[in-house]
Amino acid sequence: MTSRAEREAQGRRGESLAAWYLRLKGWRILAQRVKTPRGEIDLIARRGGVVAFVEVKWRARADELDQAVDPWRLRRVAAAAEAVGHRYARAHDLQRIDVLLLAPGRFPRHMANALML
């Protein structure tokens, strides 16, 4: 079993990898690790008229990714996005919740529109 500090470090590495992956796909990273009283947003990214509030999940084994995100966690990200969305989105931008799943030896899985706002 890994310690909390080790899991935190792995999570930060996962978020950095996710940010680079999104940049390669044409996204601009607006913010990382945004904390609000309602929850935390791992990444906020923009591409054109879309602002994505991204939940990043890193797992040591790819078979654990399917259970990495649940409706409760997505609702917390959505609540946090509603609290800060006005800072990052323009009036006509589409805002959405995305999930990026990462595991060693696997290509990142980007789930766009995991929850629409």
PDB file of N, CA and C in Angstrom:
ATOM      1  N   MET A   1       0.855  -1.182   0.000  1.00  0.00           N
ATOM      2  CA  MET A   1       0.000   0.000   0.000  1.00  0.00           C
ATOM      3  C   MET A   1       0.896   1.239   0.000  1.00  0.00           C
ATOM      4  N   THR A   2       0.493   2.239  -0.752  1.00  0.00           N
ATOM      5  CA  THR A   2       1.281   3.458  -0.821  1.00  0.00           C
ATOM      6  C   THR A   2       0.775   4.470   0.195  1.00  0.00           C
ATOM      7  N   SER A   3       1.671   5.342   0.612  1.00  0.00           N
ATOM      8  CA  SER A   3       1.305   6.362   1.585  1.00  0.00           C
ATOM      9  C   SER A   3       0.528   7.488   0.906  1.00  0.00           C
ATOM     10  N   ARG A   4      -0.096   8.303   1.710  1.00  0.00           N
ATOM     11  CA  ARG A   4      -0.846   9.449   1.183  1.00  0.00           C
ATOM     12  C   ARG A   4       0.080  10.378   0.393  1.00  0.00           C
ATOM     13  N   ALA A   5       1.290  10.605   0.894  1.00  0.00           N
ATOM     14  CA  ALA A   5       2.245  11.480   0.216  1.00  0.00           C
ATOM     15  C   ALA A   5       2.635  10.908  -1.150  1.00  0.00           C
ATOM     16  N   GLU A   6       2.820   9.593  -1.210  1.00  0.00           N
ATOM     17  CA  GLU A   6       3.151   8.953  -2.492  1.00  0.00           C
ATOM     18  C   GLU A   6       1.992   9.066  -3.478  1.00  0.00           C
ATOM     19  N   ARG A   7       0.776   8.860  -2.999  1.00  0.00           N
ATOM     20  CA  ARG A   7      -0.406   8.994  -3.869  1.00  0.00           C
ATOM     21  C   ARG A   7      -0.550  10.430  -4.354  1.00  0.00           C
ATOM     22  N   GLU A   8      -0.285  11.383  -3.467  1.00  0.00           N
ATOM     23  CA  GLU A   8      -0.351  12.792  -3.842  1.00  0.00           C
ATOM     24  C   GLU A   8       0.680  13.111  -4.931  1.00  0.00           C
ATOM     25  N   ALA A   9       1.897  12.612  -4.773  1.00  0.00           N
ATOM     26  CA  ALA A   9       2.943  12.836  -5.776  1.00  0.00           C
ATOM     27  C   ALA A   9       2.563  12.186  -7.106  1.00  0.00           C
ATOM     28  N   GLN A  10       2.012  10.974  -7.059  1.00  0.00           N
ATOM     29  CA  GLN A  10       1.564  10.314  -8.290  1.00  0.00           C
ATOM     30  C   GLN A  10       0.454  11.119  -8.955  1.00  0.00           C
ATOM     31  N   GLY A  11      -0.458  11.646  -8.159  1.00  0.00           N
ATOM     32  CA  GLY A  11      -1.543  12.459  -8.691  1.00  0.00           C
ATOM     33  C   GLY A  11      -1.028  13.712  -9.378  1.00  0.00           C
ATOM     34  N   ARG A  12      -0.054  14.353  -8.773  1.00  0.00           N
ATOM     35  CA  ARG A  12       0.540  15.554  -9.382  1.00  0.00           C
ATOM     36  C   ARG A  12       1.241  15.212 -10.694  1.00  0.00           C
ATOM     37  N   ARG A  13       1.951  14.100 -10.728  1.00  0.00           N
ATOM     38  CA  ARG A  13       2.594  13.668 -11.977  1.00  0.00           C
ATOM     39  C   ARG A  13       1.538  13.383 -13.040  1.00  0.00           C
ATOM     40  N   GLY A  14       0.461  12.738 -12.625  1.00  0.00           N
ATOM     41  CA  GLY A  14      -0.631  12.456 -13.549  1.00  0.00           C
ATOM     42  C   GLY A  14      -1.237  13.731 -14.106  1.00  0.00           C
ATOM     43  N   GLU A  15      -1.423  14.731 -13.266  1.00  0.00           N
ATOM     44  CA  GLU A  15      -1.972  16.006 -13.716  1.00  0.00           C
ATOM     45  C   GLU A  15      -1.025  16.700 -14.687  1.00  0.00           C
ATOM     46  N   SER A  16       0.275  16.613 -14.430  1.00  0.00           N
ATOM     47  CA  SER A  16       1.248  17.209 -15.349  1.00  0.00           C
ATOM     48  C   SER A  16       1.214  16.503 -16.706  1.00  0.00           C
ATOM     49  N   LEU A  17       1.165  15.173 -16.676  1.00  0.00           N
ATOM     50  CA  LEU A  17       1.070  14.419 -17.935  1.00  0.00           C
ATOM     51  C   LEU A  17      -0.223  14.751 -18.671  1.00  0.00           C
ATOM     52  N   ALA A  18      -1.312  14.865 -17.937  1.00  0.00           N
ATOM     53  CA  ALA A  18      -2.603  15.196 -18.549  1.00  0.00           C
ATOM     54  C   ALA A  18      -2.551  16.578 -19.197  1.00  0.00           C
ATOM     55  N   ALA A  19      -1.916  17.532 -18.532  1.00  0.00           N
ATOM     56  CA  ALA A  19      -1.804  18.881 -19.092  1.00  0.00           C
ATOM     57  C   ALA A  19      -1.017  18.850 -20.396  1.00  0.00           C
ATOM     58  N   TRP A  20       0.077  18.105 -20.431  1.00  0.00           N
ATOM     59  CA  TRP A  20       0.860  18.005 -21.664  1.00  0.00           C
ATOM     60  C   TRP A  20       0.081  17.298 -22.760  1.00  0.00           C
ATOM     61  N   TYR A  21      -0.642  16.279 -22.412  1.00  0.00           N
ATOM     62  CA  TYR A  21      -1.468  15.574 -23.396  1.00  0.00           C
ATOM     63  C   TYR A  21      -2.492  16.535 -24.002  1.00  0.00           C
ATOM     64  N   LEU A  22      -3.172  17.306 -23.159  1.00  0.00           N
ATOM     65  CA  LEU A  22      -4.160  18.254 -23.669  1.00  0.00           C
ATOM     66  C   LEU A  22      -3.512  19.326 -24.536  1.00  0.00           C
ATOM     67  N   ARG A  23      -2.346  19.808 -24.134  1.00  0.00           N
ATOM     68  CA  ARG A  23      -1.636  20.795 -24.962  1.00  0.00           C
ATOM     69  C   ARG A  23      -1.332  20.227 -26.348  1.00  0.00           C
ATOM     70  N   LEU A  24      -0.900  18.988 -26.401  1.00  0.00           N
ATOM     71  CA  LEU A  24      -0.616  18.354 -27.689  1.00  0.00           C
ATOM     72  C   LEU A  24      -1.871  18.222 -28.548  1.00  0.00           C
ATOM     73  N   LYS A  25      -3.031  18.179 -27.911  1.00  0.00           N
ATOM     74  CA  LYS A  25      -4.313  18.090 -28.616  1.00  0.00           C
ATOM     75  C   LYS A  25      -4.892  19.473 -28.941  1.00  0.00           C
ATOM     76  N   GLY A  26      -4.133  20.529 -28.664  1.00  0.00           N
ATOM     77  CA  GLY A  26      -4.570  21.867 -29.025  1.00  0.00           C
ATOM     78  C   GLY A  26      -5.259  22.658 -27.928  1.00  0.00           C
ATOM     79  N   TRP A  27      -5.267  22.143 -26.714  1.00  0.00           N
ATOM     80  CA  TRP A  27      -5.885  22.846 -25.585  1.00  0.00           C
ATOM     81  C   TRP A  27      -4.871  23.781 -24.953  1.00  0.00           C
ATOM     82  N   ARG A  28      -5.355  24.878 -24.411  1.00  0.00           N
ATOM     83  CA  ARG A  28      -4.521  25.785 -23.622  1.00  0.00           C
ATOM     84  C   ARG A  28      -4.919  25.588 -22.165  1.00  0.00           C
ATOM     85  N   ILE A  29      -3.960  25.329 -21.321  1.00  0.00           N
ATOM     86  CA  ILE A  29      -4.230  25.129 -19.893  1.00  0.00           C
ATOM     87  C   ILE A  29      -4.367  26.503 -19.242  1.00  0.00           C
ATOM     88  N   LEU A  30      -5.535  26.744 -18.669  1.00  0.00           N
ATOM     89  CA  LEU A  30      -5.808  28.025 -18.016  1.00  0.00           C
ATOM     90  C   LEU A  30      -5.448  28.001 -16.539  1.00  0.00           C
ATOM     91  N   ALA A  31      -5.619  26.837 -15.901  1.00  0.00           N
ATOM     92  CA  ALA A  31      -5.336  26.742 -14.463  1.00  0.00           C
ATOM     93  C   ALA A  31      -5.170  25.278 -14.084  1.00  0.00           C
ATOM     94  N   GLN A  32      -4.451  25.061 -12.992  1.00  0.00           N
ATOM     95  CA  GLN A  32      -4.265  23.725 -12.432  1.00  0.00           C
ATOM     96  C   GLN A  32      -4.561  23.774 -10.945  1.00  0.00           C
ATOM     97  N   ARG A  33      -5.149  22.684 -10.444  1.00  0.00           N
ATOM     98  CA  ARG A  33      -5.422  22.514  -9.018  1.00  0.00           C
ATOM     99  C   ARG A  33      -6.169  23.697  -8.421  1.00  0.00           C
ATOM    100  N   VAL A  34      -7.309  23.988  -8.976  1.00  0.00           N
ATOM    101  CA  VAL A  34      -8.132  25.097  -8.501  1.00  0.00           C
ATOM    102  C   VAL A  34      -8.998  24.590  -7.351  1.00  0.00           C
ATOM    103  N   LYS A  35      -8.813  25.175  -6.196  1.00  0.00           N
ATOM    104  CA  LYS A  35      -9.567  24.766  -5.002  1.00  0.00           C
ATOM    105  C   LYS A  35     -10.684  25.771  -4.745  1.00  0.00           C
ATOM    106  N   THR A  36     -11.854  25.236  -4.441  1.00  0.00           N
ATOM    107  CA  THR A  36     -13.000  26.062  -4.063  1.00  0.00           C
ATOM    108  C   THR A  36     -13.616  25.427  -2.824  1.00  0.00           C
ATOM    109  N   PRO A  37     -14.493  26.133  -2.132  1.00  0.00           N
ATOM    110  CA  PRO A  37     -15.178  25.508  -0.990  1.00  0.00           C
ATOM    111  C   PRO A  37     -16.036  24.310  -1.404  1.00  0.00           C
ATOM    112  N   ARG A  38     -16.395  24.233  -2.678  1.00  0.00           N
ATOM    113  CA  ARG A  38     -17.258  23.153  -3.164  1.00  0.00           C
ATOM    114  C   ARG A  38     -16.485  21.947  -3.686  1.00  0.00           C
ATOM    115  N   GLY A  39     -15.183  22.095  -3.916  1.00  0.00           N
ATOM    116  CA  GLY A  39     -14.392  20.990  -4.439  1.00  0.00           C
ATOM    117  C   GLY A  39     -13.176  21.511  -5.188  1.00  0.00           C
ATOM    118  N   GLU A  40     -12.454  20.589  -5.797  1.00  0.00           N
ATOM    119  CA  GLU A  40     -11.227  20.935  -6.507  1.00  0.00           C
ATOM    120  C   GLU A  40     -11.356  20.554  -7.967  1.00  0.00           C
ATOM    121  N   ILE A  41     -10.756  21.374  -8.825  1.00  0.00           N
ATOM    122  CA  ILE A  41     -10.688  21.094 -10.255  1.00  0.00           C
ATOM    123  C   ILE A  41      -9.227  20.860 -10.583  1.00  0.00           C
ATOM    124  N   ASP A  42      -8.921  19.705 -11.170  1.00  0.00           N
ATOM    125  CA  ASP A  42      -7.528  19.376 -11.470  1.00  0.00           C
ATOM    126  C   ASP A  42      -6.956  20.280 -12.554  1.00  0.00           C
ATOM    127  N   LEU A  43      -7.670  20.428 -13.670  1.00  0.00           N
ATOM    128  CA  LEU A  43      -7.221  21.265 -14.779  1.00  0.00           C
ATOM    129  C   LEU A  43      -8.400  22.037 -15.347  1.00  0.00           C
ATOM    130  N   ILE A  44      -8.125  23.247 -15.781  1.00  0.00           N
ATOM    131  CA  ILE A  44      -9.097  24.012 -16.558  1.00  0.00           C
ATOM    132  C   ILE A  44      -8.416  24.328 -17.875  1.00  0.00           C
ATOM    133  N   ALA A  45      -9.070  23.931 -18.967  1.00  0.00           N
ATOM    134  CA  ALA A  45      -8.450  24.061 -20.283  1.00  0.00           C
ATOM    135  C   ALA A  45      -9.428  24.699 -21.269  1.00  0.00           C
ATOM    136  N   ARG A  46      -8.869  25.371 -22.265  1.00  0.00           N
ATOM    137  CA  ARG A  46      -9.669  26.009 -23.311  1.00  0.00           C
ATOM    138  C   ARG A  46      -9.167  25.566 -24.681  1.00  0.00           C
ATOM    139  N   ARG A  47     -10.129  25.327 -25.558  1.00  0.00           N
ATOM    140  CA  ARG A  47      -9.826  25.128 -26.975  1.00  0.00           C
ATOM    141  C   ARG A  47     -10.982  25.766 -27.745  1.00  0.00           C
ATOM    142  N   GLY A  48     -10.677  26.852 -28.440  1.00  0.00           N
ATOM    143  CA  GLY A  48     -11.724  27.587 -29.146  1.00  0.00           C
ATOM    144  C   GLY A  48     -12.751  28.120 -28.166  1.00  0.00           C
ATOM    145  N   GLY A  49     -14.018  27.813 -28.430  1.00  0.00           N
ATOM    146  CA  GLY A  49     -15.104  28.279 -27.590  1.00  0.00           C
ATOM    147  C   GLY A  49     -15.531  27.284 -26.531  1.00  0.00           C
ATOM    148  N   VAL A  50     -14.650  26.345 -26.175  1.00  0.00           N
ATOM    149  CA  VAL A  50     -14.958  25.319 -25.176  1.00  0.00           C
ATOM    150  C   VAL A  50     -14.013  25.477 -23.986  1.00  0.00           C
ATOM    151  N   VAL A  51     -14.596  25.521 -22.801  1.00  0.00           N
ATOM    152  CA  VAL A  51     -13.810  25.499 -21.567  1.00  0.00           C
ATOM    153  C   VAL A  51     -14.130  24.185 -20.867  1.00  0.00           C
ATOM    154  N   ALA A  52     -13.098  23.396 -20.630  1.00  0.00           N
ATOM    155  CA  ALA A  52     -13.267  22.095 -19.982  1.00  0.00           C
ATOM    156  C   ALA A  52     -12.672  22.142 -18.576  1.00  0.00           C
ATOM    157  N   PHE A  53     -13.471  21.674 -17.627  1.00  0.00           N
ATOM    158  CA  PHE A  53     -13.033  21.497 -16.245  1.00  0.00           C
ATOM    159  C   PHE A  53     -12.715  20.010 -16.134  1.00  0.00           C
ATOM    160  N   VAL A  54     -11.441  19.688 -15.987  1.00  0.00           N
ATOM    161  CA  VAL A  54     -10.971  18.322 -16.188  1.00  0.00           C
ATOM    162  C   VAL A  54     -10.623  17.642 -14.868  1.00  0.00           C
ATOM    163  N   GLU A  55     -11.235  16.492 -14.653  1.00  0.00           N
ATOM    164  CA  GLU A  55     -10.888  15.609 -13.532  1.00  0.00           C
ATOM    165  C   GLU A  55      -9.866  14.611 -14.065  1.00  0.00           C
ATOM    166  N   VAL A  56      -8.700  14.553 -13.433  1.00  0.00           N
ATOM    167  CA  VAL A  56      -7.626  13.657 -13.867  1.00  0.00           C
ATOM    168  C   VAL A  56      -7.513  12.518 -12.869  1.00  0.00           C
ATOM    169  N   LYS A  57      -7.454  11.308 -13.389  1.00  0.00           N
ATOM    170  CA  LYS A  57      -7.276  10.142 -12.529  1.00  0.00           C
ATOM    171  C   LYS A  57      -6.103   9.313 -13.039  1.00  0.00           C
ATOM    172  N   TRP A  58      -5.186   9.040 -12.136  1.00  0.00           N
ATOM    173  CA  TRP A  58      -4.020   8.207 -12.396  1.00  0.00           C
ATOM    174  C   TRP A  58      -4.176   6.943 -11.573  1.00  0.00           C
ATOM    175  N   ARG A  59      -3.997   5.815 -12.197  1.00  0.00           N
ATOM    176  CA  ARG A  59      -4.031   4.535 -11.494  1.00  0.00           C
ATOM    177  C   ARG A  59      -2.807   3.725 -11.884  1.00  0.00           C
ATOM    178  N   ALA A  60      -2.314   2.957 -10.964  1.00  0.00           N
ATOM    179  CA  ALA A  60      -1.129   2.137 -11.206  1.00  0.00           C
ATOM    180  C   ALA A  60      -1.419   1.021 -12.208  1.00  0.00           C
ATOM    181  N   ARG A  61      -2.683   0.590 -12.256  1.00  0.00           N
ATOM    182  CA  ARG A  61      -3.068  -0.486 -13.182  1.00  0.00           C
ATOM    183  C   ARG A  61      -4.234  -0.011 -14.042  1.00  0.00           C
ATOM    184  N   ALA A  62      -4.154  -0.286 -15.339  1.00  0.00           N
ATOM    185  CA  ALA A  62      -5.181   0.169 -16.275  1.00  0.00           C
ATOM    186  C   ALA A  62      -6.551  -0.408 -15.944  1.00  0.00           C
ATOM    187  N   ASP A  63      -6.601  -1.623 -15.394  1.00  0.00           N
ATOM    188  CA  ASP A  63      -7.903  -2.230 -15.097  1.00  0.00           C
ATOM    189  C   ASP A  63      -8.620  -1.536 -13.934  1.00  0.00           C
ATOM    190  N   GLU A  64      -7.942  -0.636 -13.231  1.00  0.00           N
ATOM    191  CA  GLU A  64      -8.563   0.117 -12.141  1.00  0.00           C
ATOM    192  C   GLU A  64      -9.203   1.428 -12.625  1.00  0.00           C
ATOM    193  N   LEU A  65      -8.976   1.791 -13.883  1.00  0.00           N
ATOM    194  CA  LEU A  65      -9.456   3.076 -14.379  1.00  0.00           C
ATOM    195  C   LEU A  65     -10.974   3.153 -14.493  1.00  0.00           C
ATOM    196  N   ASP A  66     -11.606   2.036 -14.793  1.00  0.00           N
ATOM    197  CA  ASP A  66     -13.061   2.060 -14.974  1.00  0.00           C
ATOM    198  C   ASP A  66     -13.805   2.453 -13.704  1.00  0.00           C
ATOM    199  N   GLN A  67     -13.216   2.228 -12.553  1.00  0.00           N
ATOM    200  CA  GLN A  67     -13.852   2.588 -11.294  1.00  0.00           C
ATOM    201  C   GLN A  67     -13.260   3.865 -10.680  1.00  0.00           C
ATOM    202  N   ALA A  68     -12.441   4.575 -11.433  1.00  0.00           N
ATOM    203  CA  ALA A  68     -11.727   5.727 -10.884  1.00  0.00           C
ATOM    204  C   ALA A  68     -12.620   6.949 -10.671  1.00  0.00           C
ATOM    205  N   VAL A  69     -13.674   7.079 -11.469  1.00  0.00           N
ATOM    206  CA  VAL A  69     -14.537   8.251 -11.373  1.00  0.00           C
ATOM    207  C   VAL A  69     -15.965   7.793 -11.139  1.00  0.00           C
ATOM    208  N   ASP A  70     -16.610   8.435 -10.178  1.00  0.00           N
ATOM    209  CA  ASP A  70     -18.001   8.084  -9.869  1.00  0.00           C
ATOM    210  C   ASP A  70     -18.863   9.349  -9.945  1.00  0.00           C
ATOM    211  N   PRO A  71     -20.185   9.196  -9.953  1.00  0.00           N
ATOM    212  CA  PRO A  71     -21.076  10.361 -10.052  1.00  0.00           C
ATOM    213  C   PRO A  71     -20.868  11.388  -8.938  1.00  0.00           C
ATOM    214  N   TRP A  72     -20.581  10.937  -7.727  1.00  0.00           N
ATOM    215  CA  TRP A  72     -20.340  11.864  -6.623  1.00  0.00           C
ATOM    216  C   TRP A  72     -19.166  12.776  -6.934  1.00  0.00           C
ATOM    217  N   ARG A  73     -18.065  12.211  -7.415  1.00  0.00           N
ATOM    218  CA  ARG A  73     -16.867  12.999  -7.728  1.00  0.00           C
ATOM    219  C   ARG A  73     -17.157  13.982  -8.866  1.00  0.00           C
ATOM    220  N   LEU A  74     -17.885  13.538  -9.885  1.00  0.00           N
ATOM    221  CA  LEU A  74     -18.226  14.433 -10.987  1.00  0.00           C
ATOM    222  C   LEU A  74     -19.111  15.587 -10.516  1.00  0.00           C
ATOM    223  N   ARG A  75     -20.029  15.313  -9.603  1.00  0.00           N
ATOM    224  CA  ARG A  75     -20.870  16.388  -9.064  1.00  0.00           C
ATOM    225  C   ARG A  75     -20.031  17.405  -8.286  1.00  0.00           C
ATOM    226  N   ARG A  76     -19.009  16.943  -7.572  1.00  0.00           N
ATOM    227  CA  ARG A  76     -18.131  17.871  -6.846  1.00  0.00           C
ATOM    228  C   ARG A  76     -17.343  18.744  -7.816  1.00  0.00           C
ATOM    229  N   VAL A  77     -16.851  18.149  -8.893  1.00  0.00           N
ATOM    230  CA  VAL A  77     -16.134  18.937  -9.905  1.00  0.00           C
ATOM    231  C   VAL A  77     -17.098  19.944 -10.536  1.00  0.00           C
ATOM    232  N   ALA A  78     -18.320  19.508 -10.832  1.00  0.00           N
ATOM    233  CA  ALA A  78     -19.314  20.400 -11.424  1.00  0.00           C
ATOM    234  C   ALA A  78     -19.640  21.563 -10.484  1.00  0.00           C
ATOM    235  N   ALA A  79     -19.785  21.279  -9.194  1.00  0.00           N
ATOM    236  CA  ALA A  79     -20.066  22.347  -8.222  1.00  0.00           C
ATOM    237  C   ALA A  79     -18.909  23.335  -8.167  1.00  0.00           C
ATOM    238  N   ALA A  80     -17.691  22.824  -8.190  1.00  0.00           N
ATOM    239  CA  ALA A  80     -16.518  23.702  -8.191  1.00  0.00           C
ATOM    240  C   ALA A  80     -16.474  24.521  -9.473  1.00  0.00           C
ATOM    241  N   ALA A  81     -16.785  23.889 -10.607  1.00  0.00           N
ATOM    242  CA  ALA A  81     -16.785  24.595 -11.890  1.00  0.00           C
ATOM    243  C   ALA A  81     -17.826  25.711 -11.898  1.00  0.00           C
ATOM    244  N   GLU A  82     -18.990  25.450 -11.326  1.00  0.00           N
ATOM    245  CA  GLU A  82     -20.022  26.487 -11.257  1.00  0.00           C
ATOM    246  C   GLU A  82     -19.555  27.662 -10.407  1.00  0.00           C
ATOM    247  N   ALA A  83     -18.742  27.385  -9.404  1.00  0.00           N
ATOM    248  CA  ALA A  83     -18.259  28.449  -8.521  1.00  0.00           C
ATOM    249  C   ALA A  83     -17.229  29.350  -9.203  1.00  0.00           C
ATOM    250  N   VAL A  84     -16.431  28.804 -10.119  1.00  0.00           N
ATOM    251  CA  VAL A  84     -15.338  29.590 -10.721  1.00  0.00           C
ATOM    252  C   VAL A  84     -15.449  29.742 -12.233  1.00  0.00           C
ATOM    253  N   GLY A  85     -16.430  29.137 -12.840  1.00  0.00           N
ATOM    254  CA  GLY A  85     -16.550  29.158 -14.295  1.00  0.00           C
ATOM    255  C   GLY A  85     -16.547  30.549 -14.886  1.00  0.00           C
ATOM    256  N   HIS A  86     -17.153  31.499 -14.198  1.00  0.00           N
ATOM    257  CA  HIS A  86     -17.217  32.877 -14.695  1.00  0.00           C
ATOM    258  C   HIS A  86     -15.831  33.505 -14.855  1.00  0.00           C
ATOM    259  N   ARG A  87     -14.842  32.979 -14.156  1.00  0.00           N
ATOM    260  CA  ARG A  87     -13.479  33.513 -14.266  1.00  0.00           C
ATOM    261  C   ARG A  87     -12.790  33.060 -15.551  1.00  0.00           C
ATOM    262  N   TYR A  88     -13.228  31.935 -16.106  1.00  0.00           N
ATOM    263  CA  TYR A  88     -12.519  31.318 -17.226  1.00  0.00           C
ATOM    264  C   TYR A  88     -13.310  31.288 -18.529  1.00  0.00           C
ATOM    265  N   ALA A  89     -14.619  31.348 -18.456  1.00  0.00           N
ATOM    266  CA  ALA A  89     -15.451  31.222 -19.646  1.00  0.00           C
ATOM    267  C   ALA A  89     -16.022  32.580 -20.058  1.00  0.00           C
ATOM    268  N   ARG A  90     -16.119  32.760 -21.364  1.00  0.00           N
ATOM    269  CA  ARG A  90     -16.780  33.945 -21.909  1.00  0.00           C
ATOM    270  C   ARG A  90     -18.271  33.645 -22.033  1.00  0.00           C
ATOM    271  N   ALA A  91     -19.038  34.655 -22.343  1.00  0.00           N
ATOM    272  CA  ALA A  91     -20.499  34.553 -22.351  1.00  0.00           C
ATOM    273  C   ALA A  91     -21.027  33.402 -23.212  1.00  0.00           C
ATOM    274  N   HIS A  92     -20.456  33.162 -24.374  1.00  0.00           N
ATOM    275  CA  HIS A  92     -20.999  32.159 -25.292  1.00  0.00           C
ATOM    276  C   HIS A  92     -20.188  30.866 -25.336  1.00  0.00           C
ATOM    277  N   ASP A  93     -19.252  30.715 -24.427  1.00  0.00           N
ATOM    278  CA  ASP A  93     -18.453  29.489 -24.388  1.00  0.00           C
ATOM    279  C   ASP A  93     -19.290  28.307 -23.914  1.00  0.00           C
ATOM    280  N   LEU A  94     -18.976  27.160 -24.440  1.00  0.00           N
ATOM    281  CA  LEU A  94     -19.525  25.905 -23.931  1.00  0.00           C
ATOM    282  C   LEU A  94     -18.658  25.491 -22.752  1.00  0.00           C
ATOM    283  N   GLN A  95     -19.273  25.189 -21.624  1.00  0.00           N
ATOM    284  CA  GLN A  95     -18.538  24.710 -20.459  1.00  0.00           C
ATOM    285  C   GLN A  95     -18.912  23.260 -20.236  1.00  0.00           C
ATOM    286  N   ARG A  96     -17.915  22.435 -19.943  1.00  0.00           N
ATOM    287  CA  ARG A  96     -18.192  21.022 -19.727  1.00  0.00           C
ATOM    288  C   ARG A  96     -17.209  20.429 -18.739  1.00  0.00           C
ATOM    289  N   ILE A  97     -17.583  19.266 -18.237  1.00  0.00           N
ATOM    290  CA  ILE A  97     -16.715  18.488 -17.357  1.00  0.00           C
ATOM    291  C   ILE A  97     -16.144  17.344 -18.187  1.00  0.00           C
ATOM    292  N   ASP A  98     -14.823  17.252 -18.217  1.00  0.00           N
ATOM    293  CA  ASP A  98     -14.131  16.161 -18.896  1.00  0.00           C
ATOM    294  C   ASP A  98     -13.401  15.320 -17.857  1.00  0.00           C
ATOM    295  N   VAL A  99     -13.088  14.099 -18.233  1.00  0.00           N
ATOM    296  CA  VAL A  99     -12.292  13.209 -17.395  1.00  0.00           C
ATOM    297  C   VAL A  99     -11.134  12.706 -18.244  1.00  0.00           C
ATOM    298  N   LEU A 100      -9.944  12.706 -17.668  1.00  0.00           N
ATOM    299  CA  LEU A 100      -8.771  12.164 -18.339  1.00  0.00           C
ATOM    300  C   LEU A 100      -8.209  11.056 -17.471  1.00  0.00           C
ATOM    301  N   LEU A 101      -8.180   9.844 -18.007  1.00  0.00           N
ATOM    302  CA  LEU A 101      -7.738   8.665 -17.264  1.00  0.00           C
ATOM    303  C   LEU A 101      -6.350   8.244 -17.746  1.00  0.00           C
ATOM    304  N   LEU A 102      -5.442   8.014 -16.790  1.00  0.00           N
ATOM    305  CA  LEU A 102      -4.054   7.678 -17.094  1.00  0.00           C
ATOM    306  C   LEU A 102      -3.608   6.451 -16.314  1.00  0.00           C
ATOM    307  N   ALA A 103      -2.818   5.612 -16.977  1.00  0.00           N
ATOM    308  CA  ALA A 103      -2.187   4.466 -16.319  1.00  0.00           C
ATOM    309  C   ALA A 103      -0.891   4.167 -17.063  1.00  0.00           C
ATOM    310  N   PRO A 104       0.093   3.600 -16.383  1.00  0.00           N
ATOM    311  CA  PRO A 104       1.362   3.287 -17.041  1.00  0.00           C
ATOM    312  C   PRO A 104       1.150   2.366 -18.237  1.00  0.00           C
ATOM    313  N   GLY A 105       1.857   2.684 -19.321  1.00  0.00           N
ATOM    314  CA  GLY A 105       1.820   1.824 -20.502  1.00  0.00           C
ATOM    315  C   GLY A 105       0.538   1.920 -21.314  1.00  0.00           C
ATOM    316  N   ARG A 106      -0.344   2.850 -20.973  1.00  0.00           N
ATOM    317  CA  ARG A 106      -1.613   3.010 -21.689  1.00  0.00           C
ATOM    318  C   ARG A 106      -1.709   4.415 -22.255  1.00  0.00           C
ATOM    319  N   PHE A 107      -2.316   4.535 -23.429  1.00  0.00           N
ATOM    320  CA  PHE A 107      -2.578   5.832 -24.008  1.00  0.00           C
ATOM    321  C   PHE A 107      -3.648   6.517 -23.162  1.00  0.00           C
ATOM    322  N   PRO A 108      -3.531   7.803 -22.894  1.00  0.00           N
ATOM    323  CA  PRO A 108      -4.546   8.494 -22.076  1.00  0.00           C
ATOM    324  C   PRO A 108      -5.945   8.356 -22.686  1.00  0.00           C
ATOM    325  N   ARG A 109      -6.942   8.216 -21.838  1.00  0.00           N
ATOM    326  CA  ARG A 109      -8.338   8.148 -22.296  1.00  0.00           C
ATOM    327  C   ARG A 109      -9.013   9.448 -21.875  1.00  0.00           C
ATOM    328  N   HIS A 110      -9.401  10.239 -22.875  1.00  0.00           N
ATOM    329  CA  HIS A 110     -10.048  11.519 -22.623  1.00  0.00           C
ATOM    330  C   HIS A 110     -11.540  11.350 -22.851  1.00  0.00           C
ATOM    331  N   MET A 111     -12.293  11.496 -21.771  1.00  0.00           N
ATOM    332  CA  MET A 111     -13.749  11.378 -21.843  1.00  0.00           C
ATOM    333  C   MET A 111     -14.322  12.789 -21.844  1.00  0.00           C
ATOM    334  N   ALA A 112     -14.640  13.277 -23.050  1.00  0.00           N
ATOM    335  CA  ALA A 112     -15.210  14.606 -23.195  1.00  0.00           C
ATOM    336  C   ALA A 112     -16.684  14.556 -22.797  1.00  0.00           C
ATOM    337  N   ASN A 113     -17.163  15.654 -22.224  1.00  0.00           N
ATOM    338  CA  ASN A 113     -18.565  15.771 -21.842  1.00  0.00           C
ATOM    339  C   ASN A 113     -18.983  14.701 -20.848  1.00  0.00           C
ATOM    340  N   ALA A 114     -18.141  14.372 -19.908  1.00  0.00           N
ATOM    341  CA  ALA A 114     -18.534  13.401 -18.897  1.00  0.00           C
ATOM    342  C   ALA A 114     -19.731  13.930 -18.116  1.00  0.00           C
ATOM    343  N   LEU A 115     -19.837  15.254 -18.050  1.00  0.00           N
ATOM    344  CA  LEU A 115     -20.989  15.893 -17.419  1.00  0.00           C
ATOM    345  C   LEU A 115     -21.101  17.282 -18.036  1.00  0.00           C
ATOM    346  N   MET A 116     -22.224  17.569 -18.673  1.00  0.00           N
ATOM    347  CA  MET A 116     -22.429  18.876 -19.303  1.00  0.00           C
ATOM    348  C   MET A 116     -22.915  19.875 -18.263  1.00  0.00           C
ATOM    349  N   LEU A 117     -22.461  21.100 -18.374  1.00  0.00           N
ATOM    350  CA  LEU A 117     -22.915  22.176 -17.477  1.00  0.00           C
ATOM    351  C   LEU A 117     -23.929  23.036 -18.194  1.00  0.00           C
TER     352      LEU A 117
END
